[in-house]
Amino acid sequence: MRRKIRQLIKDLERAGFEFAPGKGSHRKFYHPLTKQVVIVSGGLGDDVHRYQERDLQRAVDAVKKHEEQP
C-alpha cells in the first residue's frame, strides 16, 4: 500500500516546514531557516507519487545538512 499525501505533509511538518497559504489545489510548504519550498499537489487521501517522495527526501536532507553546519 502506497503512502498518502496526508502522511507526506506530516513528515514535512515534523522536519520543520510550515504551510504557506495560497489559492488552488497545490499546497506550498517552506522551511524558515533554509528558505526551501516544497509544493504538494493532490488530495489528502491520494497516493503519493515517486517524484513527491523524492522531493520530500531532498528537502529533509537539505534541512539536516543546514542544521549540521556550525
C-alpha atoms as a PDB file:
ATOM      1  CA  MET A   1       0.000   0.000   0.000  1.00  0.00           C
ATOM      2  CA  ARG A   2       1.387   3.375  -1.012  1.00  0.00           C
ATOM      3  CA  ARG A   3       1.700   6.315   1.330  1.00  0.00           C
ATOM      4  CA  LYS A   4      -0.893   9.057   1.273  1.00  0.00           C
ATOM      5  CA  ILE A   5      -0.478  12.814   0.835  1.00  0.00           C
ATOM      6  CA  ARG A   6      -1.622  13.216   4.453  1.00  0.00           C
ATOM      7  CA  GLN A   7       1.456  11.253   5.636  1.00  0.00           C
ATOM      8  CA  LEU A   8       3.774  13.240   3.381  1.00  0.00           C
ATOM      9  CA  ILE A   9       2.513  16.505   4.885  1.00  0.00           C
ATOM     10  CA  LYS A  10       3.051  15.190   8.419  1.00  0.00           C
ATOM     11  CA  ASP A  11       6.653  14.312   7.523  1.00  0.00           C
ATOM     12  CA  LEU A  12       7.224  17.819   6.170  1.00  0.00           C
ATOM     13  CA  GLU A  13       5.818  19.383   9.336  1.00  0.00           C
ATOM     14  CA  ARG A  14       7.994  17.134  11.521  1.00  0.00           C
ATOM     15  CA  ALA A  15      11.034  18.351   9.564  1.00  0.00           C
ATOM     16  CA  GLY A  16      10.120  21.955  10.411  1.00  0.00           C
ATOM     17  CA  PHE A  17       8.334  23.012   7.237  1.00  0.00           C
ATOM     18  CA  GLU A  18       5.450  25.449   7.562  1.00  0.00           C
ATOM     19  CA  PHE A  19       2.350  25.802   5.408  1.00  0.00           C
ATOM     20  CA  ALA A  20       2.229  28.910   3.226  1.00  0.00           C
ATOM     21  CA  PRO A  21      -1.350  29.876   2.371  1.00  0.00           C
ATOM     22  CA  GLY A  22      -2.282  30.235  -1.262  1.00  0.00           C
ATOM     23  CA  LYS A  23      -5.009  29.672  -3.801  1.00  0.00           C
ATOM     24  CA  GLY A  24      -5.670  26.495  -5.713  1.00  0.00           C
ATOM     25  CA  SER A  25      -5.251  22.790  -5.130  1.00  0.00           C
ATOM     26  CA  HIS A  26      -1.497  22.848  -4.522  1.00  0.00           C
ATOM     27  CA  ARG A  27      -0.074  23.234  -1.023  1.00  0.00           C
ATOM     28  CA  LYS A  28       3.136  25.169  -0.527  1.00  0.00           C
ATOM     29  CA  PHE A  29       5.427  24.401   2.409  1.00  0.00           C
ATOM     30  CA  TYR A  30       8.581  26.329   3.243  1.00  0.00           C
ATOM     31  CA  HIS A  31      11.317  25.957   5.823  1.00  0.00           C
ATOM     32  CA  PRO A  32      12.043  29.173   7.747  1.00  0.00           C
ATOM     33  CA  LEU A  33      15.804  28.520   8.068  1.00  0.00           C
ATOM     34  CA  THR A  34      16.706  27.133   4.653  1.00  0.00           C
ATOM     35  CA  LYS A  35      14.006  29.055   2.727  1.00  0.00           C
ATOM     36  CA  GLN A  36      13.441  25.850   0.762  1.00  0.00           C
ATOM     37  CA  VAL A  37       9.992  25.378  -0.771  1.00  0.00           C
ATOM     38  CA  VAL A  38       8.144  22.115  -1.416  1.00  0.00           C
ATOM     39  CA  ILE A  39       4.926  22.048  -3.449  1.00  0.00           C
ATOM     40  CA  VAL A  40       2.479  19.228  -2.665  1.00  0.00           C
ATOM     41  CA  SER A  41      -0.352  18.518  -5.092  1.00  0.00           C
ATOM     42  CA  GLY A  42      -3.288  16.169  -4.672  1.00  0.00           C
ATOM     43  CA  GLY A  43      -5.974  15.469  -2.109  1.00  0.00           C
ATOM     44  CA  LEU A  44      -5.150  14.263   1.397  1.00  0.00           C
ATOM     45  CA  GLY A  45      -6.300  10.717   0.597  1.00  0.00           C
ATOM     46  CA  ASP A  46      -4.470  10.456  -2.740  1.00  0.00           C
ATOM     47  CA  ASP A  47      -1.438   8.228  -3.200  1.00  0.00           C
ATOM     48  CA  VAL A  48       1.997   9.855  -3.142  1.00  0.00           C
ATOM     49  CA  HIS A  49       3.886   9.823  -6.444  1.00  0.00           C
ATOM     50  CA  ARG A  50       7.562   8.904  -6.658  1.00  0.00           C
ATOM     51  CA  TYR A  51       8.592  12.452  -7.529  1.00  0.00           C
ATOM     52  CA  GLN A  52       6.838  13.723  -4.390  1.00  0.00           C
ATOM     53  CA  GLU A  53       8.727  11.209  -2.226  1.00  0.00           C
ATOM     54  CA  ARG A  54      11.966  12.297  -3.906  1.00  0.00           C
ATOM     55  CA  ASP A  55      11.198  15.993  -3.319  1.00  0.00           C
ATOM     56  CA  LEU A  56      10.424  15.282   0.346  1.00  0.00           C
ATOM     57  CA  GLN A  57      13.674  13.372   0.838  1.00  0.00           C
ATOM     58  CA  ARG A  58      15.757  16.094  -0.815  1.00  0.00           C
ATOM     59  CA  ALA A  59      14.105  18.781   1.297  1.00  0.00           C
ATOM     60  CA  VAL A  60      14.626  16.888   4.559  1.00  0.00           C
ATOM     61  CA  ASP A  61      18.260  16.159   3.637  1.00  0.00           C
ATOM     62  CA  ALA A  62      18.849  19.866   2.946  1.00  0.00           C
ATOM     63  CA  VAL A  63      17.419  20.785   6.353  1.00  0.00           C
ATOM     64  CA  LYS A  64      19.610  18.215   8.108  1.00  0.00           C
ATOM     65  CA  LYS A  65      22.684  19.458   6.243  1.00  0.00           C
ATOM     66  CA  HIS A  66      21.860  23.059   7.205  1.00  0.00           C
ATOM     67  CA  GLU A  67      21.430  22.102  10.874  1.00  0.00           C
ATOM     68  CA  GLU A  68      24.810  20.316  10.940  1.00  0.00           C
ATOM     69  CA  GLN A  69      26.691  23.417   9.797  1.00  0.00           C
ATOM     70  CA  PRO A  70      28.222  25.489  12.616  1.00  0.00           C
END
